[in-house]
Protein backbone atom coordinates (compact mmCIF):
# COMPACT_ATOMS: atom_id res chain seq x y z
CA MET A 1 0.00 0.00 0.00
CA SER A 2 1.45 3.37 -1.01
CA LYS A 3 1.76 6.42 1.25
CA SER A 4 -1.13 8.05 -0.60
CA GLU A 5 -3.38 5.03 -0.10
CA LYS A 6 -2.46 4.92 3.60
CA LEU A 7 -3.30 8.60 3.99
CA ILE A 8 -6.65 8.15 2.24
CA GLU A 9 -7.51 5.17 4.49
CA ARG A 10 -6.47 7.14 7.56
CA PHE A 11 -8.74 10.00 6.51
CA LYS A 12 -11.69 7.67 5.88
CA ASN A 13 -11.38 6.41 9.47
CA MET A 14 -11.98 9.99 10.69
CA PRO A 15 -9.12 10.16 13.20
CA THR A 16 -9.25 12.86 15.86
CA ASP A 17 -5.59 13.75 15.27
CA PHE A 18 -5.62 14.46 11.50
CA THR A 19 -3.37 17.46 10.86
CA PHE A 20 -3.68 20.39 8.48
CA ASP A 21 -0.54 19.24 6.67
CA GLU A 22 -2.09 15.81 6.12
CA MET A 23 -5.25 17.50 4.78
CA VAL A 24 -3.20 19.52 2.29
CA LYS A 25 -1.49 16.32 1.10
CA LEU A 26 -4.80 14.45 0.91
CA LEU A 27 -6.48 17.12 -1.18
CA SER A 28 -3.46 17.38 -3.47
CA ILE A 29 -3.77 13.64 -4.15
CA PHE A 30 -7.21 14.37 -5.63
CA GLY A 31 -5.95 17.33 -7.67
CA TYR A 32 -6.84 20.22 -5.37
CA GLU A 33 -4.50 23.18 -4.97
CA MET A 34 -4.43 25.43 -1.92
CA GLU A 35 -4.99 29.14 -2.38
CA THR A 36 -4.89 31.86 0.22
CA LYS A 37 -6.08 35.38 -0.32
CA GLY A 38 -2.89 36.94 1.00
CA LYS A 39 -2.79 38.92 4.23
CA THR A 40 -6.54 39.64 4.13
CA SER A 41 -7.61 35.99 4.23
CA GLY A 42 -6.79 35.43 7.89
CA SER A 43 -6.85 31.71 8.57
CA ARG A 44 -9.25 30.92 5.71
CA VAL A 45 -7.91 28.69 2.97
CA GLU A 46 -9.51 27.52 -0.24
CA PHE A 47 -8.68 24.41 -2.23
CA HIS A 48 -9.44 24.69 -5.93
CA HIS A 49 -9.91 21.97 -8.51
CA ASP A 50 -10.38 22.31 -12.26
CA GLU A 51 -13.53 20.16 -12.33
CA TYR A 52 -15.04 20.27 -8.84
CA GLN A 53 -16.41 22.86 -6.46
CA ALA A 54 -13.83 24.51 -4.22
CA ILE A 55 -13.40 23.36 -0.62
CA MET A 56 -12.99 26.16 1.89
CA PHE A 57 -12.34 26.08 5.64
CA HIS A 58 -10.28 27.77 8.34
CA LYS A 59 -6.82 26.60 9.28
CA PRO A 60 -6.87 25.09 12.74
CA HIS A 61 -5.25 27.13 15.47
CA PRO A 62 -3.57 27.22 17.90
CA SER A 63 -2.99 23.50 17.28
CA ASN A 64 -2.56 21.93 13.84
CA ILE A 65 -5.38 19.36 14.31
CA ILE A 66 -8.37 19.53 11.93
CA LYS A 67 -11.73 19.85 13.69
CA GLY A 68 -14.29 17.06 13.33
CA TYR A 69 -16.86 19.15 11.47
CA VAL A 70 -14.21 20.10 8.88
CA MET A 71 -13.30 16.43 8.44
CA LYS A 72 -16.97 15.60 7.78
CA LEU A 73 -17.34 18.53 5.38
CA VAL A 74 -14.28 17.52 3.34
CA PHE A 75 -15.27 13.83 3.39
CA SER A 76 -18.75 14.68 2.12
CA GLN A 77 -17.41 16.91 -0.64
CA LEU A 78 -14.85 14.35 -1.80
CA LYS A 79 -17.48 11.62 -1.77
CA ASP A 80 -19.88 13.79 -3.80
CA ASN A 81 -17.07 14.37 -6.31
CA GLY A 82 -16.59 10.63 -6.72
CA CYS A 83 -13.11 10.58 -5.19
CA PHE A 84 -14.10 7.53 -3.12
């Protein structure tokens, strides 16, 4: 099993310690690219894809752990896009 497949399986299990860096890697596997709006965006980030609707959420802070509701939002969007 490749690193990408392991990351996807880890995400599907909805761990409570999934990090922002792992989320960036996961979304890049499916062709999403992160975009920030510069200094005015605050902690908001958007992930764009050529074919699918953008995914937008706030960077976690002060820790790097993604919140549960964001995990569910991203999972739902990826599932709707046919990623898994």
